[in-house]
Amino acid sequence: MTNSHTPLSPFMQYRPQLTSVLSILHRITGVILSAGAILLSCWLVSIAAGEETYALVSRHLSAWYGQAFIIGFVFTLYFHLCNGVRHLLWDLGVGLEISTTYRSGYAVVIAAILLTVITVCAGGMA
């Protein structure tokens, strides 16, 4: 006999909100940055390994998928940085009101996008 009215986990019963989405994205970007640090290390090792190895890695990084990865990684870095500053402010007791929380959440997303665009344009990738 099965019970068709099994309760759902609490997170499945609520509509996603900006604060919960940004919290989840902060955790995901932390994992992505950890993986990216490994890839950055591989890139540095390719430089030390010699011209042929570096040329192989450089060919992939200059391809469209390498450029897309780099731009995504830069956005991830800026998002995690900006949201981390937001969390530090919360730890100081600043910006804990609901309206301020939403404004700072939107500010984090906008700042991450703007910083990414500035970095990409300054780096000559665009």
N, C-alpha and C. Protein backbone atom coordinates (compact mmCIF):
# COMPACT_ATOMS: atom_id res chain seq x y z
N MET A 1 0.84 -1.17 0.00
CA MET A 1 0.00 0.00 0.00
C MET A 1 0.89 1.24 0.00
N THR A 2 0.74 2.10 -0.98
CA THR A 2 1.56 3.31 -1.07
C THR A 2 0.74 4.52 -0.68
N ASN A 3 1.42 5.45 -0.10
CA ASN A 3 0.79 6.69 0.32
C ASN A 3 1.06 7.75 -0.74
N SER A 4 0.04 8.17 -1.46
CA SER A 4 0.21 9.14 -2.54
C SER A 4 0.34 10.58 -2.02
N HIS A 5 0.18 10.77 -0.73
CA HIS A 5 0.25 12.11 -0.15
C HIS A 5 1.49 12.27 0.71
N THR A 6 2.60 11.73 0.23
CA THR A 6 3.85 11.86 0.95
C THR A 6 4.28 13.32 0.91
N PRO A 7 4.62 13.90 2.08
CA PRO A 7 5.00 15.32 2.08
C PRO A 7 6.33 15.53 1.34
N LEU A 8 6.42 16.69 0.71
CA LEU A 8 7.64 17.06 -0.01
C LEU A 8 8.61 17.74 0.95
N SER A 9 9.87 17.76 0.57
CA SER A 9 10.85 18.52 1.34
C SER A 9 10.45 19.99 1.31
N PRO A 10 10.77 20.75 2.37
CA PRO A 10 10.34 22.16 2.41
C PRO A 10 10.82 22.98 1.22
N PHE A 11 12.04 22.73 0.72
CA PHE A 11 12.53 23.55 -0.38
C PHE A 11 11.77 23.30 -1.67
N MET A 12 11.05 22.20 -1.78
CA MET A 12 10.28 21.90 -2.99
C MET A 12 8.88 22.51 -2.94
N GLN A 13 8.50 23.03 -1.80
CA GLN A 13 7.16 23.57 -1.64
C GLN A 13 7.09 25.08 -1.87
N TYR A 14 8.24 25.74 -1.92
CA TYR A 14 8.25 27.19 -2.03
C TYR A 14 8.73 27.64 -3.40
N ARG A 15 8.26 28.78 -3.81
CA ARG A 15 8.71 29.39 -5.05
C ARG A 15 10.11 29.96 -4.80
N PRO A 16 11.05 29.75 -5.73
CA PRO A 16 12.40 30.30 -5.53
C PRO A 16 12.37 31.81 -5.39
N GLN A 17 13.16 32.32 -4.48
CA GLN A 17 13.27 33.75 -4.27
C GLN A 17 14.68 34.19 -4.61
N LEU A 18 14.88 35.46 -4.82
CA LEU A 18 16.19 35.98 -5.18
C LEU A 18 17.25 35.56 -4.16
N THR A 19 16.93 35.68 -2.89
CA THR A 19 17.91 35.36 -1.86
C THR A 19 18.32 33.89 -1.89
N SER A 20 17.36 33.00 -2.10
CA SER A 20 17.70 31.58 -2.14
C SER A 20 18.47 31.22 -3.41
N VAL A 21 18.10 31.83 -4.53
CA VAL A 21 18.80 31.57 -5.79
C VAL A 21 20.24 32.06 -5.71
N LEU A 22 20.45 33.25 -5.16
CA LEU A 22 21.81 33.77 -5.03
C LEU A 22 22.64 32.95 -4.05
N SER A 23 22.01 32.44 -3.02
CA SER A 23 22.72 31.58 -2.07
C SER A 23 23.20 30.29 -2.74
N ILE A 24 22.32 29.69 -3.51
CA ILE A 24 22.69 28.47 -4.23
C ILE A 24 23.78 28.77 -5.26
N LEU A 25 23.64 29.88 -5.99
CA LEU A 25 24.65 30.26 -6.98
C LEU A 25 26.00 30.55 -6.33
N HIS A 26 25.97 31.11 -5.13
CA HIS A 26 27.23 31.38 -4.41
C HIS A 26 27.97 30.08 -4.12
N ARG A 27 27.24 29.07 -3.72
CA ARG A 27 27.86 27.76 -3.45
C ARG A 27 28.38 27.13 -4.75
N ILE A 28 27.57 27.21 -5.81
CA ILE A 28 27.97 26.63 -7.10
C ILE A 28 29.20 27.34 -7.64
N THR A 29 29.24 28.67 -7.53
CA THR A 29 30.39 29.40 -8.05
C THR A 29 31.65 29.08 -7.24
N GLY A 30 31.49 28.78 -5.97
CA GLY A 30 32.64 28.36 -5.17
C GLY A 30 33.25 27.07 -5.69
N VAL A 31 32.39 26.13 -6.06
CA VAL A 31 32.86 24.86 -6.62
C VAL A 31 33.51 25.09 -7.98
N ILE A 32 32.88 25.92 -8.81
CA ILE A 32 33.44 26.22 -10.13
C ILE A 32 34.81 26.89 -10.00
N LEU A 33 34.95 27.80 -9.05
CA LEU A 33 36.23 28.46 -8.85
C LEU A 33 37.30 27.48 -8.39
N SER A 34 36.93 26.50 -7.60
CA SER A 34 37.89 25.47 -7.19
C SER A 34 38.35 24.65 -8.39
N ALA A 35 37.41 24.27 -9.24
CA ALA A 35 37.78 23.53 -10.45
C ALA A 35 38.60 24.41 -11.38
N GLY A 36 38.26 25.67 -11.47
CA GLY A 36 39.00 26.60 -12.30
C GLY A 36 40.43 26.81 -11.81
N ALA A 37 40.62 26.74 -10.49
CA ALA A 37 41.98 26.86 -9.95
C ALA A 37 42.84 25.69 -10.41
N ILE A 38 42.25 24.52 -10.52
CA ILE A 38 42.99 23.36 -11.03
C ILE A 38 43.35 23.58 -12.50
N LEU A 39 42.40 24.09 -13.28
CA LEU A 39 42.68 24.37 -14.69
C LEU A 39 43.73 25.47 -14.86
N LEU A 40 43.67 26.47 -13.99
CA LEU A 40 44.69 27.52 -14.02
C LEU A 40 46.07 26.92 -13.72
N SER A 41 46.12 26.02 -12.79
CA SER A 41 47.39 25.34 -12.48
C SER A 41 47.89 24.55 -13.69
N CYS A 42 46.98 23.88 -14.37
CA CYS A 42 47.37 23.14 -15.59
C CYS A 42 47.92 24.08 -16.65
N TRP A 43 47.32 25.26 -16.79
CA TRP A 43 47.81 26.24 -17.74
C TRP A 43 49.22 26.70 -17.37
N LEU A 44 49.46 26.94 -16.08
CA LEU A 44 50.79 27.34 -15.63
C LEU A 44 51.81 26.23 -15.84
N VAL A 45 51.41 25.00 -15.62
CA VAL A 45 52.30 23.86 -15.85
C VAL A 45 52.62 23.75 -17.34
N SER A 46 51.64 24.04 -18.20
CA SER A 46 51.90 23.99 -19.64
C SER A 46 52.94 25.03 -20.06
N ILE A 47 52.94 26.16 -19.38
CA ILE A 47 53.96 27.18 -19.66
C ILE A 47 55.34 26.64 -19.27
N ALA A 48 55.40 26.03 -18.10
CA ALA A 48 56.68 25.49 -17.62
C ALA A 48 57.13 24.28 -18.44
N ALA A 49 56.19 23.56 -19.03
CA ALA A 49 56.53 22.34 -19.78
C ALA A 49 57.16 22.63 -21.13
N GLY A 50 57.00 23.83 -21.62
CA GLY A 50 57.65 24.16 -22.87
C GLY A 50 56.70 24.72 -23.90
N GLU A 51 57.30 25.17 -24.98
CA GLU A 51 56.55 25.87 -26.02
C GLU A 51 55.49 24.99 -26.69
N GLU A 52 55.82 23.75 -26.93
CA GLU A 52 54.88 22.85 -27.62
C GLU A 52 53.63 22.58 -26.78
N THR A 53 53.84 22.31 -25.50
CA THR A 53 52.70 22.06 -24.60
C THR A 53 51.86 23.31 -24.43
N TYR A 54 52.53 24.46 -24.28
CA TYR A 54 51.80 25.71 -24.14
C TYR A 54 50.98 26.02 -25.39
N ALA A 55 51.55 25.75 -26.56
CA ALA A 55 50.84 26.00 -27.82
C ALA A 55 49.57 25.17 -27.90
N LEU A 56 49.64 23.93 -27.42
CA LEU A 56 48.46 23.06 -27.43
C LEU A 56 47.36 23.63 -26.54
N VAL A 57 47.73 24.01 -25.33
CA VAL A 57 46.74 24.58 -24.40
C VAL A 57 46.23 25.92 -24.91
N SER A 58 47.13 26.73 -25.42
CA SER A 58 46.76 28.05 -25.94
C SER A 58 45.78 27.95 -27.10
N ARG A 59 45.95 26.94 -27.92
CA ARG A 59 45.04 26.73 -29.05
C ARG A 59 43.60 26.51 -28.55
N HIS A 60 43.47 25.75 -27.46
CA HIS A 60 42.13 25.50 -26.91
C HIS A 60 41.57 26.74 -26.23
N LEU A 61 42.42 27.48 -25.54
CA LEU A 61 41.94 28.68 -24.85
C LEU A 61 41.55 29.79 -25.81
N SER A 62 42.14 29.82 -26.99
CA SER A 62 41.78 30.86 -27.96
C SER A 62 40.61 30.46 -28.86
N ALA A 63 40.19 29.20 -28.79
CA ALA A 63 39.01 28.75 -29.55
C ALA A 63 37.75 29.34 -28.91
N TRP A 64 36.64 29.27 -29.62
CA TRP A 64 35.39 29.86 -29.11
C TRP A 64 34.98 29.26 -27.77
N TYR A 65 35.15 27.94 -27.61
CA TYR A 65 34.75 27.30 -26.35
C TYR A 65 35.69 27.68 -25.22
N GLY A 66 36.96 27.91 -25.53
CA GLY A 66 37.90 28.37 -24.50
C GLY A 66 37.58 29.78 -24.07
N GLN A 67 37.25 30.63 -25.04
CA GLN A 67 36.88 32.01 -24.73
C GLN A 67 35.59 32.05 -23.91
N ALA A 68 34.62 31.22 -24.27
CA ALA A 68 33.36 31.15 -23.51
C ALA A 68 33.63 30.70 -22.08
N PHE A 69 34.52 29.72 -21.93
CA PHE A 69 34.87 29.24 -20.59
C PHE A 69 35.53 30.35 -19.78
N ILE A 70 36.46 31.08 -20.40
CA ILE A 70 37.15 32.15 -19.69
C ILE A 70 36.18 33.24 -19.27
N ILE A 71 35.28 33.64 -20.16
CA ILE A 71 34.30 34.67 -19.82
C ILE A 71 33.38 34.18 -18.70
N GLY A 72 32.94 32.93 -18.77
CA GLY A 72 32.12 32.37 -17.70
C GLY A 72 32.87 32.30 -16.38
N PHE A 73 34.15 31.96 -16.45
CA PHE A 73 34.96 31.89 -15.24
C PHE A 73 35.14 33.27 -14.62
N VAL A 74 35.35 34.28 -15.47
CA VAL A 74 35.50 35.66 -14.98
C VAL A 74 34.20 36.10 -14.30
N PHE A 75 33.06 35.81 -14.93
CA PHE A 75 31.78 36.16 -14.30
C PHE A 75 31.63 35.45 -12.96
N THR A 76 31.99 34.17 -12.92
CA THR A 76 31.90 33.39 -11.68
C THR A 76 32.75 34.02 -10.59
N LEU A 77 33.95 34.43 -10.96
CA LEU A 77 34.85 35.06 -10.00
C LEU A 77 34.25 36.35 -9.44
N TYR A 78 33.75 37.20 -10.33
CA TYR A 78 33.18 38.47 -9.88
C TYR A 78 31.90 38.27 -9.07
N PHE A 79 31.06 37.34 -9.50
CA PHE A 79 29.82 37.09 -8.75
C PHE A 79 30.16 36.61 -7.34
N HIS A 80 31.08 35.66 -7.24
CA HIS A 80 31.44 35.11 -5.93
C HIS A 80 32.07 36.19 -5.05
N LEU A 81 32.90 37.05 -5.65
CA LEU A 81 33.52 38.14 -4.91
C LEU A 81 32.47 39.11 -4.38
N CYS A 82 31.61 39.59 -5.27
CA CYS A 82 30.59 40.58 -4.88
C CYS A 82 29.62 40.01 -3.86
N ASN A 83 29.20 38.78 -4.06
CA ASN A 83 28.27 38.16 -3.11
C ASN A 83 28.97 37.88 -1.79
N GLY A 84 30.26 37.58 -1.83
CA GLY A 84 31.02 37.37 -0.60
C GLY A 84 31.11 38.65 0.21
N VAL A 85 31.31 39.79 -0.47
CA VAL A 85 31.32 41.09 0.23
C VAL A 85 29.96 41.35 0.85
N ARG A 86 28.92 41.00 0.14
CA ARG A 86 27.55 41.15 0.66
C ARG A 86 27.37 40.33 1.93
N HIS A 87 27.88 39.11 1.93
CA HIS A 87 27.79 38.25 3.11
C HIS A 87 28.62 38.81 4.26
N LEU A 88 29.78 39.38 3.96
CA LEU A 88 30.59 40.00 5.01
C LEU A 88 29.85 41.17 5.65
N LEU A 89 29.15 41.95 4.83
CA LEU A 89 28.37 43.05 5.37
C LEU A 89 27.25 42.53 6.27
N TRP A 90 26.63 41.43 5.87
CA TRP A 90 25.60 40.81 6.71
C TRP A 90 26.19 40.37 8.05
N ASP A 91 27.42 39.83 8.00
CA ASP A 91 28.07 39.41 9.24
C ASP A 91 28.30 40.58 10.18
N LEU A 92 28.44 41.78 9.60
CA LEU A 92 28.60 42.99 10.41
C LEU A 92 27.26 43.57 10.84
N GLY A 93 26.16 42.95 10.39
CA GLY A 93 24.83 43.42 10.75
C GLY A 93 24.29 44.50 9.83
N VAL A 94 24.93 44.68 8.68
CA VAL A 94 24.52 45.72 7.74
C VAL A 94 23.68 45.10 6.63
N GLY A 95 22.55 45.73 6.32
CA GLY A 95 21.74 45.32 5.18
C GLY A 95 20.89 44.07 5.39
N LEU A 96 20.43 43.86 6.59
CA LEU A 96 19.65 42.66 6.88
C LEU A 96 18.15 42.83 6.67
N GLU A 97 17.71 44.05 6.38
CA GLU A 97 16.28 44.26 6.12
C GLU A 97 15.93 43.63 4.78
N ILE A 98 14.72 43.16 4.64
CA ILE A 98 14.31 42.45 3.43
C ILE A 98 14.49 43.31 2.19
N SER A 99 14.07 44.56 2.25
CA SER A 99 14.19 45.42 1.06
C SER A 99 15.66 45.64 0.70
N THR A 100 16.50 45.83 1.70
CA THR A 100 17.93 46.02 1.45
C THR A 100 18.56 44.74 0.91
N THR A 101 18.10 43.62 1.40
CA THR A 101 18.61 42.33 0.93
C THR A 101 18.34 42.14 -0.56
N TYR A 102 17.15 42.49 -0.98
CA TYR A 102 16.81 42.37 -2.40
C TYR A 102 17.60 43.37 -3.25
N ARG A 103 17.73 44.61 -2.76
CA ARG A 103 18.50 45.61 -3.51
C ARG A 103 19.96 45.19 -3.64
N SER A 104 20.53 44.69 -2.56
CA SER A 104 21.93 44.27 -2.62
C SER A 104 22.09 43.03 -3.51
N GLY A 105 21.07 42.17 -3.55
CA GLY A 105 21.12 41.01 -4.43
C GLY A 105 21.15 41.40 -5.89
N TYR A 106 20.28 42.34 -6.25
CA TYR A 106 20.30 42.83 -7.62
C TYR A 106 21.61 43.56 -7.92
N ALA A 107 22.12 44.29 -6.93
CA ALA A 107 23.39 45.00 -7.12
C ALA A 107 24.54 44.03 -7.36
N VAL A 108 24.53 42.88 -6.68
CA VAL A 108 25.56 41.87 -6.87
C VAL A 108 25.54 41.36 -8.32
N VAL A 109 24.36 41.04 -8.82
CA VAL A 109 24.23 40.51 -10.18
C VAL A 109 24.67 41.57 -11.20
N ILE A 110 24.19 42.79 -11.03
CA ILE A 110 24.55 43.86 -11.96
C ILE A 110 26.05 44.15 -11.91
N ALA A 111 26.61 44.21 -10.70
CA ALA A 111 28.05 44.48 -10.56
C ALA A 111 28.87 43.37 -11.21
N ALA A 112 28.47 42.12 -11.01
CA ALA A 112 29.21 41.00 -11.61
C ALA A 112 29.17 41.07 -13.13
N ILE A 113 28.01 41.41 -13.68
CA ILE A 113 27.90 41.53 -15.14
C ILE A 113 28.75 42.69 -15.66
N LEU A 114 28.65 43.85 -15.01
CA LEU A 114 29.42 45.01 -15.45
C LEU A 114 30.93 44.77 -15.35
N LEU A 115 31.37 44.20 -14.23
CA LEU A 115 32.80 43.91 -14.07
C LEU A 115 33.28 42.90 -15.10
N THR A 116 32.44 41.94 -15.44
CA THR A 116 32.80 40.95 -16.47
C THR A 116 32.95 41.64 -17.82
N VAL A 117 31.99 42.48 -18.17
CA VAL A 117 32.04 43.20 -19.45
C VAL A 117 33.28 44.09 -19.51
N ILE A 118 33.57 44.80 -18.44
CA ILE A 118 34.75 45.67 -18.41
C ILE A 118 36.02 44.84 -18.58
N THR A 119 36.10 43.72 -17.89
CA THR A 119 37.28 42.86 -17.97
C THR A 119 37.45 42.29 -19.37
N VAL A 120 36.36 41.82 -19.95
CA VAL A 120 36.42 41.24 -21.30
C VAL A 120 36.83 42.30 -22.33
N CYS A 121 36.25 43.48 -22.21
CA CYS A 121 36.61 44.55 -23.15
C CYS A 121 38.05 45.02 -22.95
N ALA A 122 38.48 45.14 -21.71
CA ALA A 122 39.85 45.58 -21.42
C ALA A 122 40.88 44.53 -21.84
N GLY A 123 40.46 43.26 -21.78
CA GLY A 123 41.36 42.19 -22.16
C GLY A 123 41.40 41.90 -23.64
N GLY A 124 40.60 42.63 -24.41
CA GLY A 124 40.60 42.47 -25.86
C GLY A 124 39.91 41.21 -26.33
N MET A 125 39.02 40.64 -25.51
CA MET A 125 38.33 39.40 -25.90
C MET A 125 37.08 39.69 -26.71
N ALA A 126 36.54 40.89 -26.59
CA ALA A 126 35.29 41.20 -27.28
C ALA A 126 35.51 41.62 -28.71
